[in-house]
Amino acid sequence: MSHGDGDHERFAHYVQKDKIMASALDGTPVVALCGKVWVPGRDPKKYPVCPMCKEIYESMGSGGDEGKGGDK
């Protein structure tokens, strides 16, 4: 896990889709699978996927409803 070195700022993170929608509507922060907390605002397609989020997502199997969220 990153400890303030900025790594989390360089990645797109996995977050539950309903949480992304709620954040877009009311500006509440979301929590990524890796534990990062932020309010999405950037286009996640411009960033590589967080390796920690990807590892967690893949270990969950094909039934999860997480989606690729934006970065801060």
N, C-alpha and C. Protein backbone atom coordinates (compact mmCIF):
# COMPACT_ATOMS: atom_id res chain seq x y z
N MET A 1 0.84 -1.18 0.00
CA MET A 1 0.00 0.00 0.00
C MET A 1 0.88 1.24 0.00
N SER A 2 0.45 2.27 -0.67
CA SER A 2 1.19 3.52 -0.73
C SER A 2 1.08 4.28 0.59
N HIS A 3 2.15 4.93 0.97
CA HIS A 3 2.15 5.70 2.21
C HIS A 3 2.54 7.14 1.93
N GLY A 4 1.74 7.82 1.10
CA GLY A 4 1.97 9.23 0.85
C GLY A 4 2.97 9.54 -0.24
N ASP A 5 3.38 8.54 -1.01
CA ASP A 5 4.35 8.80 -2.07
C ASP A 5 3.69 9.17 -3.39
N GLY A 6 2.36 9.27 -3.42
CA GLY A 6 1.65 9.71 -4.61
C GLY A 6 1.25 8.61 -5.57
N ASP A 7 1.59 7.36 -5.28
CA ASP A 7 1.26 6.26 -6.20
C ASP A 7 -0.22 6.19 -6.49
N HIS A 8 -1.06 6.36 -5.47
CA HIS A 8 -2.50 6.26 -5.69
C HIS A 8 -3.02 7.34 -6.63
N GLU A 9 -2.31 8.42 -6.78
CA GLU A 9 -2.75 9.51 -7.64
C GLU A 9 -2.49 9.21 -9.12
N ARG A 10 -1.70 8.19 -9.39
CA ARG A 10 -1.35 7.88 -10.78
C ARG A 10 -2.15 6.73 -11.36
N PHE A 11 -3.15 6.25 -10.64
CA PHE A 11 -3.91 5.09 -11.09
C PHE A 11 -5.41 5.34 -11.09
N ALA A 12 -6.10 4.57 -11.91
CA ALA A 12 -7.56 4.47 -11.84
C ALA A 12 -7.85 3.31 -10.89
N HIS A 13 -8.88 3.44 -10.08
CA HIS A 13 -9.16 2.45 -9.05
C HIS A 13 -10.52 1.80 -9.26
N TYR A 14 -10.68 0.58 -8.75
CA TYR A 14 -11.95 -0.13 -8.81
C TYR A 14 -12.82 0.27 -7.61
N VAL A 15 -14.07 0.64 -7.92
CA VAL A 15 -15.04 1.07 -6.92
C VAL A 15 -16.40 0.51 -7.34
N GLN A 16 -17.28 0.21 -6.39
CA GLN A 16 -18.61 -0.27 -6.73
C GLN A 16 -19.34 0.77 -7.58
N LYS A 17 -20.00 0.31 -8.65
CA LYS A 17 -20.66 1.21 -9.59
C LYS A 17 -21.68 2.12 -8.91
N ASP A 18 -22.46 1.58 -7.98
CA ASP A 18 -23.47 2.41 -7.32
C ASP A 18 -22.82 3.51 -6.49
N LYS A 19 -21.64 3.26 -5.97
CA LYS A 19 -20.92 4.28 -5.18
C LYS A 19 -20.42 5.40 -6.10
N ILE A 20 -19.99 5.04 -7.30
CA ILE A 20 -19.55 6.05 -8.28
C ILE A 20 -20.72 6.96 -8.65
N MET A 21 -21.89 6.36 -8.88
CA MET A 21 -23.08 7.13 -9.25
C MET A 21 -23.47 8.08 -8.13
N ALA A 22 -23.47 7.58 -6.90
CA ALA A 22 -23.84 8.42 -5.75
C ALA A 22 -22.85 9.56 -5.60
N SER A 23 -21.57 9.29 -5.79
CA SER A 23 -20.56 10.33 -5.66
C SER A 23 -20.74 11.40 -6.73
N ALA A 24 -21.10 10.97 -7.95
CA ALA A 24 -21.32 11.93 -9.03
C ALA A 24 -22.50 12.84 -8.71
N LEU A 25 -23.50 12.31 -8.03
CA LEU A 25 -24.69 13.10 -7.71
C LEU A 25 -24.50 14.02 -6.52
N ASP A 26 -23.86 13.52 -5.46
CA ASP A 26 -23.79 14.33 -4.24
C ASP A 26 -22.37 14.65 -3.76
N GLY A 27 -21.35 14.20 -4.49
CA GLY A 27 -19.98 14.55 -4.13
C GLY A 27 -19.39 13.82 -2.94
N THR A 28 -20.03 12.71 -2.52
CA THR A 28 -19.49 11.96 -1.39
C THR A 28 -18.26 11.17 -1.83
N PRO A 29 -17.29 11.02 -0.96
CA PRO A 29 -16.10 10.24 -1.28
C PRO A 29 -16.43 8.76 -1.47
N VAL A 30 -15.61 8.08 -2.26
CA VAL A 30 -15.75 6.64 -2.48
C VAL A 30 -14.52 5.94 -1.92
N VAL A 31 -14.64 4.63 -1.72
CA VAL A 31 -13.51 3.82 -1.23
C VAL A 31 -13.21 2.76 -2.28
N ALA A 32 -11.99 2.77 -2.78
CA ALA A 32 -11.55 1.79 -3.77
C ALA A 32 -11.27 0.46 -3.09
N LEU A 33 -11.16 -0.59 -3.87
CA LEU A 33 -10.85 -1.91 -3.33
C LEU A 33 -9.54 -1.89 -2.55
N CYS A 34 -8.60 -1.07 -2.96
CA CYS A 34 -7.30 -1.00 -2.29
C CYS A 34 -7.33 -0.15 -1.03
N GLY A 35 -8.44 0.53 -0.80
CA GLY A 35 -8.57 1.35 0.41
C GLY A 35 -8.46 2.84 0.18
N LYS A 36 -8.11 3.28 -1.03
CA LYS A 36 -8.01 4.71 -1.29
C LYS A 36 -9.39 5.35 -1.17
N VAL A 37 -9.46 6.51 -0.49
CA VAL A 37 -10.70 7.26 -0.34
C VAL A 37 -10.52 8.59 -1.07
N TRP A 38 -11.45 8.92 -1.97
CA TRP A 38 -11.38 10.18 -2.71
C TRP A 38 -12.71 10.46 -3.39
N VAL A 39 -12.86 11.66 -3.93
CA VAL A 39 -14.04 12.02 -4.72
C VAL A 39 -13.60 11.97 -6.18
N PRO A 40 -14.15 11.03 -6.97
CA PRO A 40 -13.75 10.90 -8.38
C PRO A 40 -14.02 12.17 -9.16
N GLY A 41 -13.10 12.50 -10.05
CA GLY A 41 -13.28 13.68 -10.86
C GLY A 41 -12.53 13.64 -12.17
N ARG A 42 -11.58 12.73 -12.30
CA ARG A 42 -10.80 12.61 -13.52
C ARG A 42 -11.28 11.43 -14.35
N ASP A 43 -10.98 11.48 -15.64
CA ASP A 43 -11.35 10.39 -16.55
C ASP A 43 -10.45 9.19 -16.27
N PRO A 44 -11.02 8.09 -15.76
CA PRO A 44 -10.20 6.93 -15.40
C PRO A 44 -9.53 6.27 -16.60
N LYS A 45 -10.03 6.51 -17.80
CA LYS A 45 -9.44 5.89 -18.99
C LYS A 45 -8.05 6.44 -19.29
N LYS A 46 -7.70 7.56 -18.68
CA LYS A 46 -6.39 8.18 -18.91
C LYS A 46 -5.30 7.61 -18.00
N TYR A 47 -5.67 6.69 -17.10
CA TYR A 47 -4.74 6.17 -16.11
C TYR A 47 -4.70 4.65 -16.14
N PRO A 48 -3.55 4.06 -15.82
CA PRO A 48 -3.51 2.60 -15.69
C PRO A 48 -4.27 2.18 -14.43
N VAL A 49 -4.75 0.94 -14.43
CA VAL A 49 -5.49 0.42 -13.27
C VAL A 49 -4.52 0.17 -12.12
N CYS A 50 -4.94 0.55 -10.93
CA CYS A 50 -4.16 0.32 -9.71
C CYS A 50 -3.87 -1.18 -9.60
N PRO A 51 -2.61 -1.59 -9.49
CA PRO A 51 -2.29 -3.01 -9.40
C PRO A 51 -2.92 -3.70 -8.20
N MET A 52 -3.04 -3.01 -7.08
CA MET A 52 -3.63 -3.61 -5.89
C MET A 52 -5.14 -3.83 -6.10
N CYS A 53 -5.82 -2.84 -6.68
CA CYS A 53 -7.25 -2.99 -6.98
C CYS A 53 -7.47 -4.15 -7.95
N LYS A 54 -6.63 -4.21 -8.99
CA LYS A 54 -6.76 -5.26 -10.00
C LYS A 54 -6.59 -6.64 -9.38
N GLU A 55 -5.60 -6.78 -8.53
CA GLU A 55 -5.34 -8.08 -7.87
C GLU A 55 -6.54 -8.48 -7.01
N ILE A 56 -7.07 -7.54 -6.24
CA ILE A 56 -8.23 -7.82 -5.38
C ILE A 56 -9.44 -8.18 -6.22
N TYR A 57 -9.69 -7.39 -7.27
CA TYR A 57 -10.83 -7.63 -8.15
C TYR A 57 -10.76 -9.02 -8.79
N GLU A 58 -9.58 -9.37 -9.29
CA GLU A 58 -9.43 -10.68 -9.95
C GLU A 58 -9.59 -11.83 -8.96
N SER A 59 -9.22 -11.62 -7.70
CA SER A 59 -9.37 -12.68 -6.71
C SER A 59 -10.83 -12.86 -6.28
N MET A 60 -11.68 -11.87 -6.59
CA MET A 60 -13.09 -11.93 -6.24
C MET A 60 -13.88 -12.85 -7.17
N GLY A 61 -13.36 -13.14 -8.34
CA GLY A 61 -14.08 -13.95 -9.30
C GLY A 61 -14.91 -13.08 -10.22
N SER A 62 -15.79 -13.69 -10.99
CA SER A 62 -16.54 -12.94 -12.01
C SER A 62 -17.88 -12.42 -11.53
N GLY A 63 -18.20 -12.50 -10.25
CA GLY A 63 -19.51 -12.08 -9.78
C GLY A 63 -19.58 -10.70 -9.18
N GLY A 64 -18.45 -9.99 -9.06
CA GLY A 64 -18.46 -8.69 -8.42
C GLY A 64 -19.10 -7.62 -9.28
N ASP A 65 -19.61 -6.55 -8.63
CA ASP A 65 -20.21 -5.46 -9.39
C ASP A 65 -19.38 -4.20 -9.28
N GLU A 66 -18.05 -4.36 -9.17
CA GLU A 66 -17.19 -3.21 -9.10
C GLU A 66 -16.95 -2.69 -10.50
N GLY A 67 -16.67 -1.42 -10.60
CA GLY A 67 -16.36 -0.80 -11.88
C GLY A 67 -15.12 0.04 -11.75
N LYS A 68 -14.52 0.36 -12.86
CA LYS A 68 -13.32 1.18 -12.85
C LYS A 68 -13.73 2.60 -12.54
N GLY A 69 -13.24 3.12 -11.45
CA GLY A 69 -13.59 4.47 -11.03
C GLY A 69 -12.56 5.47 -11.48
N GLY A 70 -12.84 6.74 -11.29
CA GLY A 70 -11.93 7.79 -11.66
C GLY A 70 -10.91 8.03 -10.58
N ASP A 71 -9.90 8.76 -10.93
CA ASP A 71 -8.92 9.15 -9.94
C ASP A 71 -9.32 10.50 -9.38
N LYS A 72 -8.71 10.91 -8.34
CA LYS A 72 -9.03 12.14 -7.61
C LYS A 72 -9.32 13.31 -8.49
